[in-house]
């Protein structure tokens, strides 16, 4: 089931990128909506725009893949340090409270 969810997530991410790319390139390049077909200039602009965005996406993904192990390692270290701090405060809370200075020990106990 987890594999299916991951595939759906990947498809959704791809469609979001594709739709955004289409919107950006259309807004930049489609200048004349009076005709059914694109003119040559619009077609060339769309080709260049799409190629530029695809190259940018590939470079971004390559940088992400390169940096991801460092980011994950940093998060693991942060999580472990927070866990250690949490355990030390839990240990302090589990200790019996110390009596107030000047009061006899076990004065709060009633029999």
PDB file of N, CA and C in Angstrom:
ATOM      1  N   UNK A   1       0.822  -1.193   0.000  1.00  0.00           N
ATOM      2  CA  UNK A   1       0.000   0.000   0.000  1.00  0.00           C
ATOM      3  C   UNK A   1       0.867   1.257   0.000  1.00  0.00           C
ATOM      4  N   UNK A   2       1.979   1.232   0.720  1.00  0.00           N
ATOM      5  CA  UNK A   2       2.855   2.394   0.797  1.00  0.00           C
ATOM      6  C   UNK A   2       3.452   2.711  -0.572  1.00  0.00           C
ATOM      7  N   UNK A   3       3.769   1.679  -1.349  1.00  0.00           N
ATOM      8  CA  UNK A   3       4.299   1.882  -2.698  1.00  0.00           C
ATOM      9  C   UNK A   3       3.292   2.565  -3.597  1.00  0.00           C
ATOM     10  N   UNK A   4       2.022   2.190  -3.468  1.00  0.00           N
ATOM     11  CA  UNK A   4       0.963   2.826  -4.257  1.00  0.00           C
ATOM     12  C   UNK A   4       0.820   4.300  -3.892  1.00  0.00           C
ATOM     13  N   UNK A   5       0.890   4.589  -2.608  1.00  0.00           N
ATOM     14  CA  UNK A   5       0.795   5.983  -2.155  1.00  0.00           C
ATOM     15  C   UNK A   5       1.970   6.800  -2.673  1.00  0.00           C
ATOM     16  N   UNK A   6       3.157   6.210  -2.665  1.00  0.00           N
ATOM     17  CA  UNK A   6       4.337   6.907  -3.174  1.00  0.00           C
ATOM     18  C   UNK A   6       4.191   7.180  -4.669  1.00  0.00           C
ATOM     19  N   UNK A   7       3.671   6.204  -5.414  1.00  0.00           N
ATOM     20  CA  UNK A   7       3.469   6.413  -6.850  1.00  0.00           C
ATOM     21  C   UNK A   7       2.451   7.518  -7.103  1.00  0.00           C
ATOM     22  N   UNK A   8       1.386   7.545  -6.320  1.00  0.00           N
ATOM     23  CA  UNK A   8       0.386   8.610  -6.465  1.00  0.00           C
ATOM     24  C   UNK A   8       0.986   9.969  -6.130  1.00  0.00           C
ATOM     25  N   UNK A   9       1.800  10.017  -5.093  1.00  0.00           N
ATOM     26  CA  UNK A   9       2.462  11.257  -4.702  1.00  0.00           C
ATOM     27  C   UNK A   9       3.404  11.724  -5.810  1.00  0.00           C
ATOM     28  N   UNK A  10       4.152  10.788  -6.407  1.00  0.00           N
ATOM     29  CA  UNK A  10       5.050  11.141  -7.500  1.00  0.00           C
ATOM     30  C   UNK A  10       4.277  11.657  -8.706  1.00  0.00           C
ATOM     31  N   UNK A  11       3.169  11.001  -9.037  1.00  0.00           N
ATOM     32  CA  UNK A  11       2.337  11.448 -10.151  1.00  0.00           C
ATOM     33  C   UNK A  11       1.780  12.842  -9.878  1.00  0.00           C
ATOM     34  N   UNK A  12       1.307  13.058  -8.677  1.00  0.00           N
ATOM     35  CA  UNK A  12       0.766  14.369  -8.314  1.00  0.00           C
ATOM     36  C   UNK A  12       1.841  15.443  -8.442  1.00  0.00           C
ATOM     37  N   UNK A  13       3.047  15.162  -7.932  1.00  0.00           N
ATOM     38  CA  UNK A  13       4.142  16.128  -8.028  1.00  0.00           C
ATOM     39  C   UNK A  13       4.492  16.418  -9.480  1.00  0.00           C
ATOM     40  N   UNK A  14       4.543  15.373 -10.314  1.00  0.00           N
ATOM     41  CA  UNK A  14       4.837  15.558 -11.724  1.00  0.00           C
ATOM     42  C   UNK A  14       3.777  16.433 -12.387  1.00  0.00           C
ATOM     43  N   UNK A  15       2.517  16.152 -12.099  1.00  0.00           N
ATOM     44  CA  UNK A  15       1.441  16.930 -12.711  1.00  0.00           C
ATOM     45  C   UNK A  15       1.462  18.388 -12.262  1.00  0.00           C
ATOM     46  N   UNK A  16       1.804  18.622 -11.008  1.00  0.00           N
ATOM     47  CA  UNK A  16       1.908  20.001 -10.529  1.00  0.00           C
ATOM     48  C   UNK A  16       3.020  20.751 -11.270  1.00  0.00           C
ATOM     49  N   UNK A  17       4.167  20.105 -11.443  1.00  0.00           N
ATOM     50  CA  UNK A  17       5.280  20.731 -12.163  1.00  0.00           C
ATOM     51  C   UNK A  17       4.889  20.951 -13.621  1.00  0.00           C
ATOM     52  N   UNK A  18       4.286  19.957 -14.239  1.00  0.00           N
ATOM     53  CA  UNK A  18       3.885  20.062 -15.645  1.00  0.00           C
ATOM     54  C   UNK A  18       2.874  21.191 -15.836  1.00  0.00           C
ATOM     55  N   UNK A  19       1.876  21.255 -14.966  1.00  0.00           N
ATOM     56  CA  UNK A  19       0.855  22.300 -15.085  1.00  0.00           C
ATOM     57  C   UNK A  19       1.447  23.688 -14.880  1.00  0.00           C
ATOM     58  N   UNK A  20       2.344  23.815 -13.926  1.00  0.00           N
ATOM     59  CA  UNK A  20       2.978  25.110 -13.666  1.00  0.00           C
ATOM     60  C   UNK A  20       3.836  25.516 -14.862  1.00  0.00           C
ATOM     61  N   UNK A  21       4.586  24.567 -15.420  1.00  0.00           N
ATOM     62  CA  UNK A  21       5.417  24.847 -16.581  1.00  0.00           C
ATOM     63  C   UNK A  21       4.544  25.282 -17.763  1.00  0.00           C
ATOM     64  N   UNK A  22       3.447  24.586 -17.973  1.00  0.00           N
ATOM     65  CA  UNK A  22       2.536  24.928 -19.064  1.00  0.00           C
ATOM     66  C   UNK A  22       1.984  26.334 -18.883  1.00  0.00           C
ATOM     67  N   UNK A  23       1.599  26.656 -17.664  1.00  0.00           N
ATOM     68  CA  UNK A  23       1.047  27.988 -17.384  1.00  0.00           C
ATOM     69  C   UNK A  23       2.091  29.077 -17.619  1.00  0.00           C
ATOM     70  N   UNK A  24       3.298  28.876 -17.121  1.00  0.00           N
ATOM     71  CA  UNK A  24       4.360  29.873 -17.277  1.00  0.00           C
ATOM     72  C   UNK A  24       4.663  30.097 -18.759  1.00  0.00           C
ATOM     73  N   UNK A  25       4.875  29.009 -19.473  1.00  0.00           N
ATOM     74  CA  UNK A  25       5.240  29.132 -20.890  1.00  0.00           C
ATOM     75  C   UNK A  25       4.092  29.703 -21.725  1.00  0.00           C
ATOM     76  N   UNK A  26       2.875  29.333 -21.422  1.00  0.00           N
ATOM     77  CA  UNK A  26       1.733  29.881 -22.165  1.00  0.00           C
ATOM     78  C   UNK A  26       1.642  31.391 -21.948  1.00  0.00           C
ATOM     79  N   UNK A  27       1.773  31.821 -20.691  1.00  0.00           N
ATOM     80  CA  UNK A  27       1.678  33.253 -20.405  1.00  0.00           C
ATOM     81  C   UNK A  27       2.812  34.042 -21.059  1.00  0.00           C
ATOM     82  N   UNK A  28       3.977  33.445 -21.173  1.00  0.00           N
ATOM     83  CA  UNK A  28       5.111  34.132 -21.798  1.00  0.00           C
ATOM     84  C   UNK A  28       5.015  34.154 -23.317  1.00  0.00           C
ATOM     85  N   UNK A  29       4.504  33.100 -23.914  1.00  0.00           N
ATOM     86  CA  UNK A  29       4.667  32.910 -25.360  1.00  0.00           C
ATOM     87  C   UNK A  29       3.403  33.082 -26.197  1.00  0.00           C
ATOM     88  N   UNK A  30       2.252  32.781 -25.653  1.00  0.00           N
ATOM     89  CA  UNK A  30       1.028  32.860 -26.459  1.00  0.00           C
ATOM     90  C   UNK A  30       0.538  34.303 -26.465  1.00  0.00           C
ATOM     91  N   UNK A  31       0.785  34.963 -27.581  1.00  0.00           N
ATOM     92  CA  UNK A  31       0.439  36.385 -27.652  1.00  0.00           C
ATOM     93  C   UNK A  31      -0.815  36.647 -28.482  1.00  0.00           C
ATOM     94  N   UNK A  32      -1.158  35.742 -29.366  1.00  0.00           N
ATOM     95  CA  UNK A  32      -2.284  35.966 -30.255  1.00  0.00           C
ATOM     96  C   UNK A  32      -3.248  34.793 -30.121  1.00  0.00           C
ATOM     97  N   UNK A  33      -4.387  35.037 -29.483  1.00  0.00           N
ATOM     98  CA  UNK A  33      -5.378  33.984 -29.267  1.00  0.00           C
ATOM     99  C   UNK A  33      -6.485  33.995 -30.327  1.00  0.00           C
ATOM    100  N   UNK A  34      -6.260  34.726 -31.412  1.00  0.00           N
ATOM    101  CA  UNK A  34      -7.278  34.819 -32.466  1.00  0.00           C
ATOM    102  C   UNK A  34      -7.281  33.623 -33.391  1.00  0.00           C
ATOM    103  N   UNK A  35      -6.224  32.807 -33.355  1.00  0.00           N
ATOM    104  CA  UNK A  35      -6.111  31.692 -34.283  1.00  0.00           C
ATOM    105  C   UNK A  35      -6.051  30.379 -33.517  1.00  0.00           C
ATOM    106  N   UNK A  36      -6.493  29.359 -34.182  1.00  0.00           N
ATOM    107  CA  UNK A  36      -6.518  28.034 -33.566  1.00  0.00           C
ATOM    108  C   UNK A  36      -5.110  27.468 -33.389  1.00  0.00           C
ATOM    109  N   UNK A  37      -4.229  27.699 -34.344  1.00  0.00           N
ATOM    110  CA  UNK A  37      -2.871  27.167 -34.322  1.00  0.00           C
ATOM    111  C   UNK A  37      -1.885  28.239 -33.879  1.00  0.00           C
ATOM    112  N   UNK A  38      -0.757  27.763 -33.372  1.00  0.00           N
ATOM    113  CA  UNK A  38       0.307  28.676 -32.968  1.00  0.00           C
ATOM    114  C   UNK A  38       1.058  29.176 -34.185  1.00  0.00           C
ATOM    115  N   UNK A  39       1.532  30.406 -34.110  1.00  0.00           N
ATOM    116  CA  UNK A  39       2.415  30.884 -35.165  1.00  0.00           C
ATOM    117  C   UNK A  39       3.824  30.375 -34.850  1.00  0.00           C
ATOM    118  N   UNK A  40       4.701  30.460 -35.831  1.00  0.00           N
ATOM    119  CA  UNK A  40       6.051  29.900 -35.686  1.00  0.00           C
ATOM    120  C   UNK A  40       6.797  30.515 -34.496  1.00  0.00           C
ATOM    121  N   UNK A  41       6.670  31.807 -34.293  1.00  0.00           N
ATOM    122  CA  UNK A  41       7.363  32.481 -33.183  1.00  0.00           C
ATOM    123  C   UNK A  41       6.885  31.948 -31.834  1.00  0.00           C
ATOM    124  N   UNK A  42       5.574  31.750 -31.711  1.00  0.00           N
ATOM    125  CA  UNK A  42       5.032  31.221 -30.456  1.00  0.00           C
ATOM    126  C   UNK A  42       5.518  29.799 -30.210  1.00  0.00           C
ATOM    127  N   UNK A  43       5.550  29.000 -31.258  1.00  0.00           N
ATOM    128  CA  UNK A  43       6.024  27.616 -31.128  1.00  0.00           C
ATOM    129  C   UNK A  43       7.475  27.570 -30.681  1.00  0.00           C
ATOM    130  N   UNK A  44       8.307  28.395 -31.288  1.00  0.00           N
ATOM    131  CA  UNK A  44       9.720  28.436 -30.901  1.00  0.00           C
ATOM    132  C   UNK A  44       9.884  28.921 -29.458  1.00  0.00           C
ATOM    133  N   UNK A  45       9.126  29.920 -29.101  1.00  0.00           N
ATOM    134  CA  UNK A  45       9.179  30.437 -27.729  1.00  0.00           C
ATOM    135  C   UNK A  45       8.771  29.353 -26.735  1.00  0.00           C
ATOM    136  N   UNK A  46       7.706  28.619 -27.036  1.00  0.00           N
ATOM    137  CA  UNK A  46       7.254  27.548 -26.147  1.00  0.00           C
ATOM    138  C   UNK A  46       8.297  26.438 -26.027  1.00  0.00           C
ATOM    139  N   UNK A  47       8.932  26.080 -27.150  1.00  0.00           N
ATOM    140  CA  UNK A  47       9.984  25.063 -27.116  1.00  0.00           C
ATOM    141  C   UNK A  47      11.147  25.503 -26.234  1.00  0.00           C
ATOM    142  N   UNK A  48      11.587  26.759 -26.413  1.00  0.00           N
ATOM    143  CA  UNK A  48      12.700  27.267 -25.602  1.00  0.00           C
ATOM    144  C   UNK A  48      12.313  27.362 -24.125  1.00  0.00           C
ATOM    145  N   UNK A  49      11.122  27.830 -23.866  1.00  0.00           N
ATOM    146  CA  UNK A  49      10.649  27.984 -22.489  1.00  0.00           C
ATOM    147  C   UNK A  49      10.575  26.628 -21.780  1.00  0.00           C
ATOM    148  N   UNK A  50       9.976  25.656 -22.443  1.00  0.00           N
ATOM    149  CA  UNK A  50       9.851  24.322 -21.848  1.00  0.00           C
ATOM    150  C   UNK A  50      11.224  23.699 -21.626  1.00  0.00           C
ATOM    151  N   UNK A  51      12.114  23.832 -22.602  1.00  0.00           N
ATOM    152  CA  UNK A  51      13.455  23.269 -22.466  1.00  0.00           C
ATOM    153  C   UNK A  51      14.199  23.925 -21.303  1.00  0.00           C
ATOM    154  N   UNK A  52      14.060  25.228 -21.186  1.00  0.00           N
ATOM    155  CA  UNK A  52      14.724  25.951 -20.099  1.00  0.00           C
ATOM    156  C   UNK A  52      14.201  25.495 -18.738  1.00  0.00           C
ATOM    157  N   UNK A  53      12.900  25.359 -18.602  1.00  0.00           N
ATOM    158  CA  UNK A  53      12.322  24.924 -17.325  1.00  0.00           C
ATOM    159  C   UNK A  53      12.686  23.475 -17.007  1.00  0.00           C
ATOM    160  N   UNK A  54      12.737  22.630 -18.016  1.00  0.00           N
ATOM    161  CA  UNK A  54      13.115  21.228 -17.792  1.00  0.00           C
ATOM    162  C   UNK A  54      14.570  21.143 -17.340  1.00  0.00           C
ATOM    163  N   UNK A  55      15.462  21.904 -18.007  1.00  0.00           N
ATOM    164  CA  UNK A  55      16.879  21.923 -17.588  1.00  0.00           C
ATOM    165  C   UNK A  55      17.005  22.439 -16.153  1.00  0.00           C
ATOM    166  N   UNK A  56      16.263  23.470 -15.839  1.00  0.00           N
ATOM    167  CA  UNK A  56      16.295  24.025 -14.474  1.00  0.00           C
ATOM    168  C   UNK A  56      15.820  22.999 -13.467  1.00  0.00           C
ATOM    169  N   UNK A  57      14.763  22.286 -13.818  1.00  0.00           N
ATOM    170  CA  UNK A  57      14.230  21.256 -12.916  1.00  0.00           C
ATOM    171  C   UNK A  57      15.253  20.141 -12.713  1.00  0.00           C
ATOM    172  N   UNK A  58      15.936  19.731 -13.766  1.00  0.00           N
ATOM    173  CA  UNK A  58      16.960  18.684 -13.658  1.00  0.00           C
ATOM    174  C   UNK A  58      18.105  19.138 -12.769  1.00  0.00           C
ATOM    175  N   UNK A  59      18.538  20.379 -12.934  1.00  0.00           N
ATOM    176  CA  UNK A  59      19.620  20.908 -12.097  1.00  0.00           C
ATOM    177  C   UNK A  59      19.186  20.987 -10.640  1.00  0.00           C
ATOM    178  N   UNK A  60      17.972  21.408 -10.418  1.00  0.00           N
ATOM    179  CA  UNK A  60      17.443  21.497  -9.059  1.00  0.00           C
ATOM    180  C   UNK A  60      17.371  20.116  -8.413  1.00  0.00           C
ATOM    181  N   UNK A  61      16.894  19.133  -9.157  1.00  0.00           N
ATOM    182  CA  UNK A  61      16.816  17.767  -8.634  1.00  0.00           C
ATOM    183  C   UNK A  61      18.204  17.197  -8.341  1.00  0.00           C
ATOM    184  N   UNK A  62      19.166  17.492  -9.200  1.00  0.00           N
ATOM    185  CA  UNK A  62      20.532  17.012  -8.979  1.00  0.00           C
ATOM    186  C   UNK A  62      21.107  17.629  -7.706  1.00  0.00           C
ATOM    187  N   UNK A  63      20.879  18.905  -7.494  1.00  0.00           N
ATOM    188  CA  UNK A  63      21.355  19.557  -6.271  1.00  0.00           C
ATOM    189  C   UNK A  63      20.648  18.982  -5.052  1.00  0.00           C
ATOM    190  N   UNK A  64      19.361  18.729  -5.183  1.00  0.00           N
ATOM    191  CA  UNK A  64      18.590  18.149  -4.080  1.00  0.00           C
ATOM    192  C   UNK A  64      19.123  16.771  -3.703  1.00  0.00           C
ATOM    193  N   UNK A  65      19.364  15.936  -4.706  1.00  0.00           N
ATOM    194  CA  UNK A  65      19.875  14.581  -4.456  1.00  0.00           C
ATOM    195  C   UNK A  65      21.261  14.657  -3.820  1.00  0.00           C
ATOM    196  N   UNK A  66      22.054  15.625  -4.238  1.00  0.00           N
ATOM    197  CA  UNK A  66      23.398  15.774  -3.696  1.00  0.00           C
ATOM    198  C   UNK A  66      23.366  16.248  -2.242  1.00  0.00           C
ATOM    199  N   UNK A  67      22.465  17.146  -1.916  1.00  0.00           N
ATOM    200  CA  UNK A  67      22.408  17.727  -0.576  1.00  0.00           C
ATOM    201  C   UNK A  67      21.573  16.917   0.410  1.00  0.00           C
ATOM    202  N   UNK A  68      20.718  16.062  -0.073  1.00  0.00           N
ATOM    203  CA  UNK A  68      19.789  15.337   0.801  1.00  0.00           C
ATOM    204  C   UNK A  68      20.477  14.518   1.886  1.00  0.00           C
ATOM    205  N   UNK A  69      21.554  13.763   1.613  1.00  0.00           N
ATOM    206  CA  UNK A  69      22.197  13.004   2.703  1.00  0.00           C
ATOM    207  C   UNK A  69      22.687  13.910   3.840  1.00  0.00           C
ATOM    208  N   UNK A  70      23.219  15.073   3.502  1.00  0.00           N
ATOM    209  CA  UNK A  70      23.681  16.012   4.526  1.00  0.00           C
ATOM    210  C   UNK A  70      22.511  16.512   5.365  1.00  0.00           C
ATOM    211  N   UNK A  71      21.417  16.831   4.716  1.00  0.00           N
ATOM    212  CA  UNK A  71      20.234  17.323   5.425  1.00  0.00           C
ATOM    213  C   UNK A  71      19.673  16.252   6.344  1.00  0.00           C
ATOM    214  N   UNK A  72      19.591  15.022   5.848  1.00  0.00           N
ATOM    215  CA  UNK A  72      19.064  13.918   6.653  1.00  0.00           C
ATOM    216  C   UNK A  72      19.976  13.676   7.851  1.00  0.00           C
ATOM    217  N   UNK A  73      21.281  13.698   7.648  1.00  0.00           N
ATOM    218  CA  UNK A  73      22.223  13.482   8.750  1.00  0.00           C
ATOM    219  C   UNK A  73      22.079  14.564   9.806  1.00  0.00           C
ATOM    220  N   UNK A  74      21.926  15.799   9.389  1.00  0.00           N
ATOM    221  CA  UNK A  74      21.749  16.907  10.331  1.00  0.00           C
ATOM    222  C   UNK A  74      20.464  16.728  11.132  1.00  0.00           C
ATOM    223  N   UNK A  75      19.396  16.307  10.472  1.00  0.00           N
ATOM    224  CA  UNK A  75      18.128  16.079  11.179  1.00  0.00           C
ATOM    225  C   UNK A  75      18.239  14.945  12.180  1.00  0.00           C
ATOM    226  N   UNK A  76      18.972  13.890  11.821  1.00  0.00           N
ATOM    227  CA  UNK A  76      19.165  12.760  12.739  1.00  0.00           C
ATOM    228  C   UNK A  76      19.910  13.226  13.980  1.00  0.00           C
ATOM    229  N   UNK A  77      20.971  14.005  13.792  1.00  0.00           N
ATOM    230  CA  UNK A  77      21.749  14.511  14.925  1.00  0.00           C
ATOM    231  C   UNK A  77      20.877  15.407  15.806  1.00  0.00           C
ATOM    232  N   UNK A  78      20.089  16.291  15.190  1.00  0.00           N
ATOM    233  CA  UNK A  78      19.193  17.167  15.960  1.00  0.00           C
ATOM    234  C   UNK A  78      18.171  16.344  16.741  1.00  0.00           C
ATOM    235  N   UNK A  79      17.611  15.348  16.092  1.00  0.00           N
ATOM    236  CA  UNK A  79      16.611  14.507  16.762  1.00  0.00           C
ATOM    237  C   UNK A  79      17.235  13.760  17.940  1.00  0.00           C
ATOM    238  N   UNK A  80      18.430  13.215  17.728  1.00  0.00           N
ATOM    239  CA  UNK A  80      19.093  12.481  18.804  1.00  0.00           C
ATOM    240  C   UNK A  80      19.433  13.395  19.968  1.00  0.00           C
ATOM    241  N   UNK A  81      19.880  14.612  19.690  1.00  0.00           N
ATOM    242  CA  UNK A  81      20.205  15.531  20.782  1.00  0.00           C
ATOM    243  C   UNK A  81      18.943  15.940  21.535  1.00  0.00           C
ATOM    244  N   UNK A  82      17.839  16.136  20.829  1.00  0.00           N
ATOM    245  CA  UNK A  82      16.580  16.467  21.501  1.00  0.00           C
ATOM    246  C   UNK A  82      16.093  15.299  22.345  1.00  0.00           C
ATOM    247  N   UNK A  83      16.283  14.087  21.853  1.00  0.00           N
ATOM    248  CA  UNK A  83      15.881  12.901  22.592  1.00  0.00           C
ATOM    249  C   UNK A  83      16.701  12.768  23.867  1.00  0.00           C
ATOM    250  N   UNK A  84      18.003  13.023  23.790  1.00  0.00           N
ATOM    251  CA  UNK A  84      18.857  12.947  24.968  1.00  0.00           C
ATOM    252  C   UNK A  84      18.457  13.989  25.996  1.00  0.00           C
ATOM    253  N   UNK A  85      18.160  15.199  25.564  1.00  0.00           N
ATOM    254  CA  UNK A  85      17.725  16.259  26.474  1.00  0.00           C
ATOM    255  C   UNK A  85      16.399  15.875  27.113  1.00  0.00           C
ATOM    256  N   UNK A  86      15.503  15.303  26.328  1.00  0.00           N
ATOM    257  CA  UNK A  86      14.198  14.871  26.853  1.00  0.00           C
ATOM    258  C   UNK A  86      14.346  13.776  27.884  1.00  0.00           C
ATOM    259  N   UNK A  87      15.263  12.848  27.673  1.00  0.00           N
ATOM    260  CA  UNK A  87      15.472  11.765  28.631  1.00  0.00           C
ATOM    261  C   UNK A  87      16.069  12.284  29.920  1.00  0.00           C
ATOM    262  N   UNK A  88      16.985  13.240  29.856  1.00  0.00           N
ATOM    263  CA  UNK A  88      17.597  13.755  31.078  1.00  0.00           C
ATOM    264  C   UNK A  88      16.574  14.523  31.900  1.00  0.00           C
ATOM    265  N   UNK A  89      15.655  15.264  31.265  1.00  0.00           N
ATOM    266  CA  UNK A  89      14.625  15.967  32.027  1.00  0.00           C
ATOM    267  C   UNK A  89      13.609  14.983  32.583  1.00  0.00           C
ATOM    268  N   UNK A  90      13.336  13.894  31.856  1.00  0.00           N
ATOM    269  CA  UNK A  90      12.441  12.866  32.379  1.00  0.00           C
ATOM    270  C   UNK A  90      13.051  12.215  33.610  1.00  0.00           C
ATOM    271  N   UNK A  91      14.360  11.954  33.584  1.00  0.00           N
ATOM    272  CA  UNK A  91      15.038  11.363  34.731  1.00  0.00           C
ATOM    273  C   UNK A  91      14.967  12.286  35.942  1.00  0.00           C
ATOM    274  N   UNK A  92      15.091  13.583  35.712  1.00  0.00           N
ATOM    275  CA  UNK A  92      15.018  14.532  36.817  1.00  0.00           C
ATOM    276  C   UNK A  92      13.623  14.533  37.428  1.00  0.00           C
ATOM    277  N   UNK A  93      12.585  14.415  36.593  1.00  0.00           N
ATOM    278  CA  UNK A  93      11.216  14.418  37.095  1.00  0.00           C
ATOM    279  C   UNK A  93      10.902  13.130  37.855  1.00  0.00           C
ATOM    280  N   UNK A  94      11.587  12.046  37.543  1.00  0.00           N
ATOM    281  CA  UNK A  94      11.322  10.779  38.219  1.00  0.00           C
ATOM    282  C   UNK A  94      11.966  10.710  39.595  1.00  0.00           C
ATOM    283  N   UNK A  95      12.939  11.555  39.879  1.00  0.00           N
ATOM    284  CA  UNK A  95      13.571  11.549  41.189  1.00  0.00           C
ATOM    285  C   UNK A  95      12.603  12.127  42.215  1.00  0.00           C
ATOM    286  N   UNK A  96      12.737  11.645  43.454  1.00  0.00           N
ATOM    287  CA  UNK A  96      11.882  12.147  44.535  1.00  0.00           C
ATOM    288  C   UNK A  96      12.237  13.591  44.813  1.00  0.00           C
ATOM    289  N   UNK A  97      11.237  14.414  45.134  1.00  0.00           N
ATOM    290  CA  UNK A  97      11.535  15.810  45.413  1.00  0.00           C
ATOM    291  C   UNK A  97      12.355  15.915  46.701  1.00  0.00           C
ATOM    292  N   UNK A  98      13.314  16.814  46.693  1.00  0.00           N
ATOM    293  CA  UNK A  98      14.149  16.986  47.878  1.00  0.00           C
ATOM    294  C   UNK A  98      13.387  17.810  48.905  1.00  0.00           C
ATOM    295  N   UNK A  99      13.565  17.503  50.207  1.00  0.00           N
ATOM    296  CA  UNK A  99      12.844  18.253  51.236  1.00  0.00           C
ATOM    297  C   UNK A  99      13.343  19.690  51.291  1.00  0.00           C
ATOM    298  N   UNK A 100      12.466  20.562  51.759  1.00  0.00           N
ATOM    299  CA  UNK A 100      12.841  21.961  51.896  1.00  0.00           C
ATOM    300  C   UNK A 100      13.856  22.082  53.021  1.00  0.00           C
ATOM    301  N   UNK A 101      14.789  23.010  52.861  1.00  0.00           N
ATOM    302  CA  UNK A 101      15.784  23.174  53.923  1.00  0.00           C
ATOM    303  C   UNK A 101      15.111  23.513  55.256  1.00  0.00           C
ATOM    304  N   UNK A 102      15.552  22.859  56.305  1.00  0.00           N
ATOM    305  CA  UNK A 102      15.024  23.105  57.645  1.00  0.00           C
ATOM    306  C   UNK A 102      13.819  22.276  58.005  1.00  0.00           C
ATOM    307  N   UNK A 103      13.227  21.544  57.070  1.00  0.00           N
ATOM    308  CA  UNK A 103      12.069  20.728  57.410  1.00  0.00           C
ATOM    309  C   UNK A 103      12.540  19.294  57.627  1.00  0.00           C
ATOM    310  N   UNK A 104      11.904  18.579  58.558  1.00  0.00           N
ATOM    311  CA  UNK A 104      12.318  17.219  58.811  1.00  0.00           C
ATOM    312  C   UNK A 104      11.954  16.330  57.621  1.00  0.00           C
ATOM    313  N   UNK A 105      12.764  15.311  57.353  1.00  0.00           N
ATOM    314  CA  UNK A 105      12.436  14.420  56.249  1.00  0.00           C
ATOM    315  C   UNK A 105      11.124  13.705  56.497  1.00  0.00           C
ATOM    316  N   UNK A 106      10.406  13.437  55.470  1.00  0.00           N
ATOM    317  CA  UNK A 106       9.116  12.737  55.480  1.00  0.00           C
ATOM    318  C   UNK A 106       8.066  13.476  56.296  1.00  0.00           C
ATOM    319  N   UNK A 107       8.166  14.790  56.445  1.00  0.00           N
ATOM    320  CA  UNK A 107       7.189  15.542  57.224  1.00  0.00           C
ATOM    321  C   UNK A 107       5.830  15.617  56.538  1.00  0.00           C
ATOM    322  N   UNK A 108       5.829  15.420  55.226  1.00  0.00           N
ATOM    323  CA  UNK A 108       4.556  15.519  54.525  1.00  0.00           C
ATOM    324  C   UNK A 108       3.790  14.219  54.567  1.00  0.00           C
ATOM    325  N   UNK A 109       4.389  13.131  55.012  1.00  0.00           N
ATOM    326  CA  UNK A 109       3.689  11.842  55.073  1.00  0.00           C
ATOM    327  C   UNK A 109       2.830  11.776  56.321  1.00  0.00           C
ATOM    328  N   UNK A 110       1.636  11.278  56.180  1.00  0.00           N
ATOM    329  CA  UNK A 110       0.758  11.069  57.329  1.00  0.00           C
ATOM    330  C   UNK A 110       0.479   9.590  57.471  1.00  0.00           C
ATOM    331  N   UNK A 111       0.357   9.176  58.675  1.00  0.00           N
ATOM    332  CA  UNK A 111       0.097   7.763  58.940  1.00  0.00           C
ATOM    333  C   UNK A 111      -1.247   7.616  59.573  1.00  0.00           C
TER     334      UNK A 111
END
